[in-house]
Amino acid sequence: DWIHLNSLQYLPGADSLILSSRETSAILKVADLHGAPALDWLAGDARVWEGTVYEDACLEQDGNFVPQYGQHTVEYYEGEGLEEDQYYLMMYNNNYWVNGTRDDYEIEELPDSVGTVLTSDSLKSQVYVYLVDEGEHTFRLVHSFDVPYSSIVSNVTPSGENLVINSGTANVFGEYDI
């Protein structure tokens, strides 16, 4: 399971897909799905892609924040006041790193907030909202908040004025104000 896709969202207006790859801790956009499908960009820790043919596809991280690791349920949405090439992506950021299919690769200096264990009382997962700017080829963290740590089996779902959160390995469901 070298990519472990755990969510996808079809964007009919752009004929593209937003994909969440848990194994690579990356979000991918595939463009021109019904024509000549091609990787448009990747968002996440760019170090994962250094020295590969995908290195140039990485969006540049705009700002000083820890990118997502082991994320689930990446969702696209538009917002008021955004420019034409901008939109938001919301996700459950597990803050969990595992890469069981690439024995030759290990991230040096994994951030302290990122776990490598299935359960923990000291780590936190988060809901992340990125602003993606395709014109500038960047992604920026614009909102986040802590939720119970869940290395796997988790999601965030908008429900009216709230977000419903499932922190699977913590066995917790929660409802949060947006």
N, C-alpha and C. Protein backbone atom coordinates (compact mmCIF):
# COMPACT_ATOMS: atom_id res chain seq x y z
N ASP A 1 0.85 -1.18 0.00
CA ASP A 1 0.00 0.00 0.00
C ASP A 1 0.90 1.24 0.00
N TRP A 2 1.60 1.48 -1.06
CA TRP A 2 2.63 2.50 -1.12
C TRP A 2 2.07 3.92 -1.15
N ILE A 3 0.78 4.09 -1.35
CA ILE A 3 0.23 5.45 -1.37
C ILE A 3 -0.91 5.61 -0.36
N HIS A 4 -1.67 4.56 -0.08
CA HIS A 4 -2.77 4.55 0.89
C HIS A 4 -3.71 5.75 0.70
N LEU A 5 -4.45 5.74 -0.39
CA LEU A 5 -5.46 6.78 -0.61
C LEU A 5 -6.60 6.57 0.36
N ASN A 6 -6.93 7.63 1.13
CA ASN A 6 -8.02 7.49 2.09
C ASN A 6 -9.15 8.47 1.89
N SER A 7 -9.02 9.37 0.93
CA SER A 7 -10.16 10.20 0.54
C SER A 7 -9.90 10.78 -0.84
N LEU A 8 -10.98 11.04 -1.53
CA LEU A 8 -10.89 11.73 -2.81
C LEU A 8 -12.11 12.60 -2.97
N GLN A 9 -11.92 13.68 -3.70
CA GLN A 9 -13.02 14.58 -3.99
C GLN A 9 -12.91 15.01 -5.44
N TYR A 10 -13.98 14.74 -6.19
CA TYR A 10 -14.03 15.12 -7.60
C TYR A 10 -14.50 16.56 -7.71
N LEU A 11 -13.78 17.36 -8.49
CA LEU A 11 -14.15 18.75 -8.75
C LEU A 11 -14.62 18.84 -10.20
N PRO A 12 -15.93 18.75 -10.44
CA PRO A 12 -16.42 18.66 -11.81
C PRO A 12 -16.09 19.89 -12.66
N GLY A 13 -16.14 21.09 -12.08
CA GLY A 13 -15.85 22.30 -12.85
C GLY A 13 -14.43 22.32 -13.40
N ALA A 14 -13.51 21.74 -12.66
CA ALA A 14 -12.10 21.70 -13.08
C ALA A 14 -11.72 20.33 -13.64
N ASP A 15 -12.66 19.38 -13.65
CA ASP A 15 -12.40 18.00 -14.07
C ASP A 15 -11.12 17.48 -13.43
N SER A 16 -11.07 17.60 -12.11
CA SER A 16 -9.88 17.19 -11.38
C SER A 16 -10.27 16.46 -10.09
N LEU A 17 -9.28 15.84 -9.48
CA LEU A 17 -9.45 15.13 -8.22
C LEU A 17 -8.49 15.67 -7.18
N ILE A 18 -8.97 15.81 -5.95
CA ILE A 18 -8.12 16.06 -4.80
C ILE A 18 -8.04 14.73 -4.06
N LEU A 19 -6.82 14.24 -3.85
CA LEU A 19 -6.59 12.93 -3.24
C LEU A 19 -5.77 13.09 -1.97
N SER A 20 -6.06 12.25 -0.98
CA SER A 20 -5.28 12.22 0.25
C SER A 20 -4.48 10.93 0.29
N SER A 21 -3.17 11.06 0.33
CA SER A 21 -2.26 9.91 0.42
C SER A 21 -1.68 9.86 1.83
N ARG A 22 -2.22 8.98 2.64
CA ARG A 22 -1.77 8.87 4.02
C ARG A 22 -0.34 8.37 4.11
N GLU A 23 0.02 7.39 3.29
CA GLU A 23 1.35 6.78 3.37
C GLU A 23 2.46 7.78 3.08
N THR A 24 2.21 8.72 2.17
CA THR A 24 3.23 9.72 1.83
C THR A 24 2.98 11.05 2.53
N SER A 25 1.93 11.12 3.37
CA SER A 25 1.55 12.37 4.04
C SER A 25 1.46 13.52 3.04
N ALA A 26 0.81 13.24 1.92
CA ALA A 26 0.69 14.24 0.86
C ALA A 26 -0.76 14.35 0.38
N ILE A 27 -1.08 15.55 -0.07
CA ILE A 27 -2.33 15.80 -0.76
C ILE A 27 -1.95 16.00 -2.22
N LEU A 28 -2.69 15.38 -3.12
CA LEU A 28 -2.39 15.45 -4.55
C LEU A 28 -3.58 16.02 -5.30
N LYS A 29 -3.29 16.74 -6.36
CA LYS A 29 -4.33 17.15 -7.29
C LYS A 29 -3.99 16.57 -8.65
N VAL A 30 -4.94 15.82 -9.21
CA VAL A 30 -4.81 15.28 -10.55
C VAL A 30 -5.75 16.09 -11.44
N ALA A 31 -5.20 16.70 -12.49
CA ALA A 31 -5.96 17.57 -13.39
C ALA A 31 -6.33 16.85 -14.67
N ASP A 32 -7.32 17.41 -15.37
CA ASP A 32 -7.76 16.92 -16.69
C ASP A 32 -8.08 15.43 -16.64
N LEU A 33 -8.91 15.07 -15.69
CA LEU A 33 -9.19 13.67 -15.40
C LEU A 33 -9.75 12.90 -16.58
N HIS A 34 -10.62 13.52 -17.36
CA HIS A 34 -11.25 12.82 -18.48
C HIS A 34 -10.58 13.12 -19.81
N GLY A 35 -9.46 13.81 -19.79
CA GLY A 35 -8.70 14.10 -21.00
C GLY A 35 -7.37 13.38 -20.95
N ALA A 36 -6.37 14.10 -20.49
CA ALA A 36 -5.03 13.54 -20.31
C ALA A 36 -4.65 13.72 -18.85
N PRO A 37 -5.10 12.83 -17.96
CA PRO A 37 -4.85 13.00 -16.52
C PRO A 37 -3.36 13.18 -16.22
N ALA A 38 -3.10 14.14 -15.33
CA ALA A 38 -1.71 14.42 -14.96
C ALA A 38 -1.69 14.99 -13.55
N LEU A 39 -0.61 14.69 -12.83
CA LEU A 39 -0.41 15.27 -11.51
C LEU A 39 -0.23 16.77 -11.66
N ASP A 40 -1.07 17.54 -10.98
CA ASP A 40 -0.99 19.00 -11.03
C ASP A 40 -0.05 19.50 -9.93
N TRP A 41 -0.24 19.00 -8.69
CA TRP A 41 0.63 19.40 -7.58
C TRP A 41 0.53 18.40 -6.43
N LEU A 42 1.48 18.54 -5.50
CA LEU A 42 1.52 17.80 -4.24
C LEU A 42 1.65 18.82 -3.12
N ALA A 43 1.00 18.58 -1.98
CA ALA A 43 1.16 19.45 -0.80
C ALA A 43 1.48 18.59 0.40
N GLY A 44 2.49 19.01 1.15
CA GLY A 44 2.92 18.29 2.33
C GLY A 44 4.39 18.56 2.57
N ASP A 45 5.03 17.68 3.32
CA ASP A 45 6.45 17.81 3.60
C ASP A 45 7.24 17.52 2.33
N ALA A 46 7.80 18.54 1.72
CA ALA A 46 8.50 18.41 0.43
C ALA A 46 9.71 17.49 0.51
N ARG A 47 10.23 17.28 1.73
CA ARG A 47 11.40 16.40 1.88
C ARG A 47 11.10 14.98 1.42
N VAL A 48 9.85 14.56 1.50
CA VAL A 48 9.46 13.21 1.09
C VAL A 48 9.74 13.01 -0.41
N TRP A 49 9.66 14.08 -1.18
CA TRP A 49 9.74 13.99 -2.64
C TRP A 49 11.10 14.41 -3.20
N GLU A 50 12.02 14.86 -2.33
CA GLU A 50 13.34 15.27 -2.82
C GLU A 50 14.03 14.12 -3.54
N GLY A 51 14.61 14.43 -4.69
CA GLY A 51 15.34 13.44 -5.46
C GLY A 51 14.47 12.52 -6.28
N THR A 52 13.16 12.80 -6.33
CA THR A 52 12.24 12.00 -7.15
C THR A 52 11.76 12.83 -8.33
N VAL A 53 11.09 12.20 -9.27
CA VAL A 53 10.55 12.92 -10.43
C VAL A 53 9.40 13.85 -10.04
N TYR A 54 8.90 13.71 -8.80
CA TYR A 54 7.77 14.53 -8.33
C TYR A 54 8.21 15.76 -7.55
N GLU A 55 9.49 15.94 -7.37
CA GLU A 55 10.02 17.04 -6.57
C GLU A 55 9.49 18.40 -7.04
N ASP A 56 9.44 18.63 -8.32
CA ASP A 56 9.00 19.92 -8.85
C ASP A 56 7.49 20.14 -8.76
N ALA A 57 6.75 19.08 -8.48
CA ALA A 57 5.29 19.19 -8.37
C ALA A 57 4.86 19.71 -7.00
N CYS A 58 5.77 19.77 -6.04
CA CYS A 58 5.42 20.18 -4.68
C CYS A 58 5.07 21.66 -4.61
N LEU A 59 3.91 21.94 -4.00
CA LEU A 59 3.58 23.33 -3.69
C LEU A 59 4.57 23.82 -2.64
N GLU A 60 4.89 25.10 -2.69
CA GLU A 60 5.78 25.68 -1.69
C GLU A 60 4.99 26.00 -0.42
N GLN A 61 5.55 25.61 0.70
CA GLN A 61 4.92 25.90 1.99
C GLN A 61 5.11 27.38 2.30
N ASP A 62 4.01 28.10 2.53
CA ASP A 62 4.02 29.52 2.83
C ASP A 62 3.80 29.70 4.33
N GLY A 63 4.85 29.95 5.07
CA GLY A 63 4.72 30.13 6.52
C GLY A 63 5.46 29.06 7.29
N ASN A 64 5.58 29.32 8.59
CA ASN A 64 6.31 28.42 9.48
C ASN A 64 5.30 27.58 10.26
N PHE A 65 5.02 26.39 9.77
CA PHE A 65 4.12 25.46 10.44
C PHE A 65 4.54 24.04 10.08
N VAL A 66 4.11 23.09 10.89
CA VAL A 66 4.37 21.68 10.61
C VAL A 66 3.31 21.22 9.63
N PRO A 67 3.69 20.72 8.45
CA PRO A 67 2.68 20.24 7.50
C PRO A 67 1.99 18.99 8.04
N GLN A 68 0.96 18.58 7.37
CA GLN A 68 0.19 17.42 7.81
C GLN A 68 0.99 16.13 7.66
N TYR A 69 0.69 15.19 8.57
CA TYR A 69 1.29 13.85 8.51
C TYR A 69 0.19 12.82 8.73
N GLY A 70 0.04 11.89 7.79
CA GLY A 70 -0.93 10.81 7.91
C GLY A 70 -2.37 11.27 7.88
N GLN A 71 -2.66 12.34 7.16
CA GLN A 71 -3.97 12.98 7.17
C GLN A 71 -5.09 12.10 6.61
N HIS A 72 -6.32 12.47 6.98
CA HIS A 72 -7.54 11.82 6.48
C HIS A 72 -8.55 12.90 6.07
N THR A 73 -9.51 12.51 5.29
CA THR A 73 -10.68 13.28 4.84
C THR A 73 -10.35 14.70 4.39
N VAL A 74 -9.54 14.83 3.39
CA VAL A 74 -9.23 16.14 2.83
C VAL A 74 -10.44 16.61 2.01
N GLU A 75 -10.94 17.80 2.33
CA GLU A 75 -12.11 18.34 1.65
C GLU A 75 -11.82 19.72 1.08
N TYR A 76 -12.24 19.90 -0.16
CA TYR A 76 -12.10 21.16 -0.90
C TYR A 76 -13.31 22.04 -0.59
N TYR A 77 -13.08 23.34 -0.40
CA TYR A 77 -14.19 24.28 -0.38
C TYR A 77 -13.70 25.67 -0.74
N GLU A 78 -14.63 26.44 -1.29
CA GLU A 78 -14.33 27.81 -1.69
C GLU A 78 -14.77 28.74 -0.58
N GLY A 79 -14.26 29.97 -0.62
CA GLY A 79 -14.64 30.95 0.38
C GLY A 79 -14.77 32.33 -0.25
N GLU A 80 -15.40 33.22 0.48
CA GLU A 80 -15.59 34.58 -0.01
C GLU A 80 -14.27 35.34 -0.01
N GLY A 81 -14.11 36.21 -0.99
CA GLY A 81 -12.95 37.09 -1.05
C GLY A 81 -11.68 36.43 -1.57
N LEU A 82 -11.78 35.22 -2.06
CA LEU A 82 -10.60 34.56 -2.59
C LEU A 82 -10.39 34.90 -4.07
N GLU A 83 -9.16 34.85 -4.48
CA GLU A 83 -8.86 35.08 -5.88
C GLU A 83 -9.18 33.82 -6.69
N GLU A 84 -9.15 33.94 -8.00
CA GLU A 84 -9.59 32.87 -8.89
C GLU A 84 -8.86 31.54 -8.66
N ASP A 85 -7.58 31.57 -8.42
CA ASP A 85 -6.79 30.34 -8.27
C ASP A 85 -6.63 29.91 -6.81
N GLN A 86 -7.48 30.42 -5.91
CA GLN A 86 -7.36 30.10 -4.50
C GLN A 86 -8.58 29.32 -4.00
N TYR A 87 -8.34 28.44 -3.04
CA TYR A 87 -9.41 27.69 -2.39
C TYR A 87 -8.86 27.10 -1.10
N TYR A 88 -9.77 26.54 -0.31
CA TYR A 88 -9.39 25.95 0.97
C TYR A 88 -9.43 24.42 0.91
N LEU A 89 -8.57 23.80 1.71
CA LEU A 89 -8.62 22.37 1.95
C LEU A 89 -8.66 22.15 3.46
N MET A 90 -9.65 21.40 3.91
CA MET A 90 -9.76 21.07 5.34
C MET A 90 -9.49 19.58 5.50
N MET A 91 -8.82 19.21 6.59
CA MET A 91 -8.48 17.80 6.80
C MET A 91 -8.34 17.49 8.29
N TYR A 92 -8.38 16.21 8.57
CA TYR A 92 -7.99 15.69 9.88
C TYR A 92 -6.50 15.39 9.77
N ASN A 93 -5.67 16.18 10.45
CA ASN A 93 -4.23 15.98 10.45
C ASN A 93 -3.89 15.06 11.61
N ASN A 94 -3.61 13.80 11.30
CA ASN A 94 -3.34 12.83 12.35
C ASN A 94 -2.07 13.10 13.13
N ASN A 95 -1.12 13.81 12.52
CA ASN A 95 0.20 14.02 13.15
C ASN A 95 0.85 12.67 13.43
N TYR A 96 0.79 11.79 12.43
CA TYR A 96 1.33 10.43 12.56
C TYR A 96 2.16 10.11 11.33
N TRP A 97 3.40 9.72 11.53
CA TRP A 97 4.28 9.37 10.43
C TRP A 97 4.58 7.87 10.43
N VAL A 98 4.30 7.26 9.31
CA VAL A 98 4.71 5.88 9.07
C VAL A 98 4.95 5.78 7.57
N ASN A 99 5.95 5.02 7.21
CA ASN A 99 6.20 4.78 5.80
C ASN A 99 6.72 3.36 5.68
N GLY A 100 5.81 2.42 5.64
CA GLY A 100 6.17 1.01 5.64
C GLY A 100 6.54 0.45 4.29
N THR A 101 6.49 1.26 3.25
CA THR A 101 6.75 0.74 1.91
C THR A 101 8.02 1.30 1.28
N ARG A 102 8.72 2.13 1.99
CA ARG A 102 9.94 2.73 1.44
C ARG A 102 11.06 2.61 2.46
N ASP A 103 11.63 1.44 2.53
CA ASP A 103 12.65 1.14 3.53
C ASP A 103 13.89 2.02 3.40
N ASP A 104 14.12 2.57 2.22
CA ASP A 104 15.32 3.37 1.99
C ASP A 104 15.14 4.84 2.39
N TYR A 105 13.96 5.18 2.94
CA TYR A 105 13.70 6.59 3.24
C TYR A 105 13.25 6.76 4.69
N GLU A 106 13.81 7.75 5.34
CA GLU A 106 13.39 8.14 6.69
C GLU A 106 13.53 9.65 6.80
N ILE A 107 12.52 10.31 7.34
CA ILE A 107 12.60 11.75 7.53
C ILE A 107 13.57 12.05 8.66
N GLU A 108 14.53 12.91 8.38
CA GLU A 108 15.44 13.36 9.43
C GLU A 108 14.75 14.45 10.23
N GLU A 109 14.92 14.42 11.54
CA GLU A 109 14.37 15.44 12.43
C GLU A 109 12.86 15.58 12.27
N LEU A 110 12.15 14.51 12.53
CA LEU A 110 10.70 14.54 12.53
C LEU A 110 10.23 15.53 13.60
N PRO A 111 9.28 16.41 13.29
CA PRO A 111 8.82 17.39 14.30
C PRO A 111 8.31 16.70 15.58
N ASP A 112 8.52 17.33 16.72
CA ASP A 112 8.11 16.78 18.00
C ASP A 112 6.61 16.52 18.09
N SER A 113 5.82 17.29 17.34
CA SER A 113 4.37 17.15 17.39
C SER A 113 3.86 15.95 16.60
N VAL A 114 4.75 15.27 15.89
CA VAL A 114 4.37 14.15 15.03
C VAL A 114 4.76 12.84 15.70
N GLY A 115 3.80 11.93 15.80
CA GLY A 115 4.05 10.66 16.45
C GLY A 115 4.37 9.54 15.48
N THR A 116 4.94 8.49 16.03
CA THR A 116 5.20 7.27 15.27
C THR A 116 4.59 6.08 16.00
N VAL A 117 3.73 6.37 16.97
CA VAL A 117 3.07 5.34 17.77
C VAL A 117 1.56 5.39 17.51
N LEU A 118 0.88 4.26 17.69
CA LEU A 118 -0.55 4.21 17.41
C LEU A 118 -1.39 4.99 18.41
N THR A 119 -1.01 4.97 19.69
CA THR A 119 -1.77 5.70 20.71
C THR A 119 -0.81 6.52 21.56
N SER A 120 -1.32 7.62 22.10
CA SER A 120 -0.50 8.49 22.93
C SER A 120 -1.40 9.40 23.75
N ASP A 121 -1.03 9.63 24.99
CA ASP A 121 -1.73 10.59 25.83
C ASP A 121 -1.12 11.98 25.72
N SER A 122 0.08 12.08 25.17
CA SER A 122 0.76 13.38 25.10
C SER A 122 0.67 14.06 23.74
N LEU A 123 0.41 13.30 22.67
CA LEU A 123 0.32 13.89 21.33
C LEU A 123 -1.09 14.35 21.04
N LYS A 124 -1.22 15.26 20.08
CA LYS A 124 -2.51 15.76 19.62
C LYS A 124 -2.59 15.62 18.11
N SER A 125 -3.76 15.31 17.62
CA SER A 125 -4.06 15.46 16.20
C SER A 125 -4.69 16.84 16.04
N GLN A 126 -4.95 17.25 14.82
CA GLN A 126 -5.50 18.59 14.60
C GLN A 126 -6.42 18.59 13.39
N VAL A 127 -7.31 19.54 13.39
CA VAL A 127 -8.03 19.90 12.18
C VAL A 127 -7.21 21.01 11.55
N TYR A 128 -6.88 20.85 10.29
CA TYR A 128 -6.11 21.84 9.54
C TYR A 128 -6.96 22.40 8.41
N VAL A 129 -6.79 23.69 8.16
CA VAL A 129 -7.36 24.32 6.98
C VAL A 129 -6.23 25.04 6.26
N TYR A 130 -6.00 24.62 5.02
CA TYR A 130 -4.99 25.25 4.16
C TYR A 130 -5.66 26.18 3.17
N LEU A 131 -4.98 27.27 2.86
CA LEU A 131 -5.33 28.08 1.70
C LEU A 131 -4.35 27.68 0.60
N VAL A 132 -4.88 27.12 -0.47
CA VAL A 132 -4.07 26.75 -1.62
C VAL A 132 -4.16 27.88 -2.63
N ASP A 133 -3.01 28.31 -3.10
CA ASP A 133 -2.95 29.36 -4.12
C ASP A 133 -2.21 28.76 -5.32
N GLU A 134 -2.98 28.28 -6.28
CA GLU A 134 -2.37 27.64 -7.45
C GLU A 134 -1.61 28.64 -8.31
N GLY A 135 -2.04 29.89 -8.32
CA GLY A 135 -1.33 30.93 -9.08
C GLY A 135 0.08 31.15 -8.55
N GLU A 136 0.22 31.14 -7.22
CA GLU A 136 1.52 31.32 -6.57
C GLU A 136 2.23 30.00 -6.32
N HIS A 137 1.52 28.89 -6.52
CA HIS A 137 2.04 27.53 -6.31
C HIS A 137 2.43 27.34 -4.83
N THR A 138 1.52 27.76 -3.91
CA THR A 138 1.77 27.70 -2.48
C THR A 138 0.59 27.10 -1.72
N PHE A 139 0.88 26.67 -0.49
CA PHE A 139 -0.17 26.33 0.47
C PHE A 139 0.22 26.92 1.82
N ARG A 140 -0.80 27.39 2.55
CA ARG A 140 -0.57 28.08 3.82
C ARG A 140 -1.61 27.61 4.84
N LEU A 141 -1.17 27.38 6.07
CA LEU A 141 -2.08 27.02 7.15
C LEU A 141 -2.79 28.28 7.62
N VAL A 142 -4.13 28.30 7.52
CA VAL A 142 -4.88 29.48 7.92
C VAL A 142 -5.72 29.24 9.17
N HIS A 143 -5.91 27.98 9.54
CA HIS A 143 -6.68 27.69 10.75
C HIS A 143 -6.35 26.27 11.20
N SER A 144 -6.24 26.10 12.52
CA SER A 144 -6.06 24.76 13.06
C SER A 144 -6.52 24.74 14.51
N PHE A 145 -6.90 23.57 14.98
CA PHE A 145 -7.17 23.39 16.40
C PHE A 145 -6.94 21.92 16.76
N ASP A 146 -6.60 21.70 18.02
CA ASP A 146 -6.27 20.36 18.51
C ASP A 146 -7.52 19.52 18.70
N VAL A 147 -7.36 18.23 18.42
CA VAL A 147 -8.38 17.22 18.71
C VAL A 147 -7.62 16.01 19.30
N PRO A 148 -8.34 15.07 19.92
CA PRO A 148 -7.65 13.92 20.50
C PRO A 148 -6.81 13.17 19.45
N TYR A 149 -5.63 12.73 19.86
CA TYR A 149 -4.69 12.06 18.96
C TYR A 149 -5.26 10.75 18.44
N SER A 150 -5.20 10.61 17.14
CA SER A 150 -5.59 9.37 16.49
C SER A 150 -4.62 9.13 15.34
N SER A 151 -3.83 8.09 15.44
CA SER A 151 -2.86 7.80 14.40
C SER A 151 -3.53 7.34 13.11
N ILE A 152 -4.66 6.67 13.23
CA ILE A 152 -5.38 6.13 12.07
C ILE A 152 -6.88 6.25 12.33
N VAL A 153 -7.68 5.86 11.37
CA VAL A 153 -9.13 5.73 11.51
C VAL A 153 -9.74 7.00 12.10
N SER A 154 -9.79 8.06 11.32
CA SER A 154 -10.27 9.34 11.83
C SER A 154 -10.84 10.18 10.70
N ASN A 155 -11.63 11.18 11.07
CA ASN A 155 -12.15 12.09 10.05
C ASN A 155 -12.75 13.34 10.67
N VAL A 156 -12.92 14.34 9.81
CA VAL A 156 -13.62 15.58 10.15
C VAL A 156 -14.65 15.81 9.05
N THR A 157 -15.89 16.13 9.47
CA THR A 157 -16.98 16.33 8.51
C THR A 157 -17.77 17.57 8.90
N PRO A 158 -17.93 18.53 7.98
CA PRO A 158 -18.78 19.68 8.26
C PRO A 158 -20.23 19.23 8.42
N SER A 159 -20.93 19.83 9.37
CA SER A 159 -22.34 19.55 9.61
C SER A 159 -23.02 20.83 10.05
N GLY A 160 -23.57 21.56 9.09
CA GLY A 160 -24.19 22.84 9.40
C GLY A 160 -23.17 23.83 9.90
N GLU A 161 -23.37 24.36 11.10
CA GLU A 161 -22.45 25.32 11.70
C GLU A 161 -21.36 24.66 12.54
N ASN A 162 -21.26 23.33 12.46
CA ASN A 162 -20.32 22.60 13.30
C ASN A 162 -19.47 21.64 12.48
N LEU A 163 -18.47 21.08 13.14
CA LEU A 163 -17.65 20.02 12.57
C LEU A 163 -17.81 18.80 13.45
N VAL A 164 -18.03 17.65 12.84
CA VAL A 164 -18.09 16.39 13.57
C VAL A 164 -16.73 15.72 13.39
N ILE A 165 -16.12 15.35 14.51
CA ILE A 165 -14.78 14.80 14.52
C ILE A 165 -14.81 13.38 15.06
N ASN A 166 -14.13 12.46 14.38
CA ASN A 166 -13.95 11.10 14.84
C ASN A 166 -12.45 10.89 15.04
N SER A 167 -12.03 10.75 16.27
CA SER A 167 -10.65 10.40 16.59
C SER A 167 -10.65 8.91 16.91
N GLY A 168 -10.45 8.11 15.88
CA GLY A 168 -10.69 6.67 15.94
C GLY A 168 -9.93 5.92 16.99
N THR A 169 -8.59 6.02 17.02
CA THR A 169 -7.85 5.23 18.00
C THR A 169 -8.04 5.76 19.42
N ALA A 170 -8.49 6.99 19.55
CA ALA A 170 -8.80 7.53 20.89
C ALA A 170 -10.24 7.16 21.30
N ASN A 171 -11.00 6.58 20.36
CA ASN A 171 -12.40 6.21 20.62
C ASN A 171 -13.24 7.40 21.04
N VAL A 172 -13.07 8.52 20.33
CA VAL A 172 -13.76 9.75 20.69
C VAL A 172 -14.47 10.33 19.46
N PHE A 173 -15.74 10.68 19.64
CA PHE A 173 -16.46 11.49 18.68
C PHE A 173 -16.68 12.84 19.32
N GLY A 174 -16.60 13.90 18.55
CA GLY A 174 -16.83 15.22 19.10
C GLY A 174 -17.48 16.15 18.09
N GLU A 175 -18.13 17.17 18.59
CA GLU A 175 -18.72 18.20 17.75
C GLU A 175 -18.09 19.53 18.13
N TYR A 176 -17.60 20.26 17.15
CA TYR A 176 -16.89 21.50 17.38
C TYR A 176 -17.55 22.62 16.58
N ASP A 177 -17.55 23.82 17.16
CA ASP A 177 -18.04 24.99 16.42
C ASP A 177 -17.04 25.34 15.34
N ILE A 178 -17.55 25.81 14.22
CA ILE A 178 -16.68 26.24 13.13
C ILE A 178 -16.12 27.61 13.45
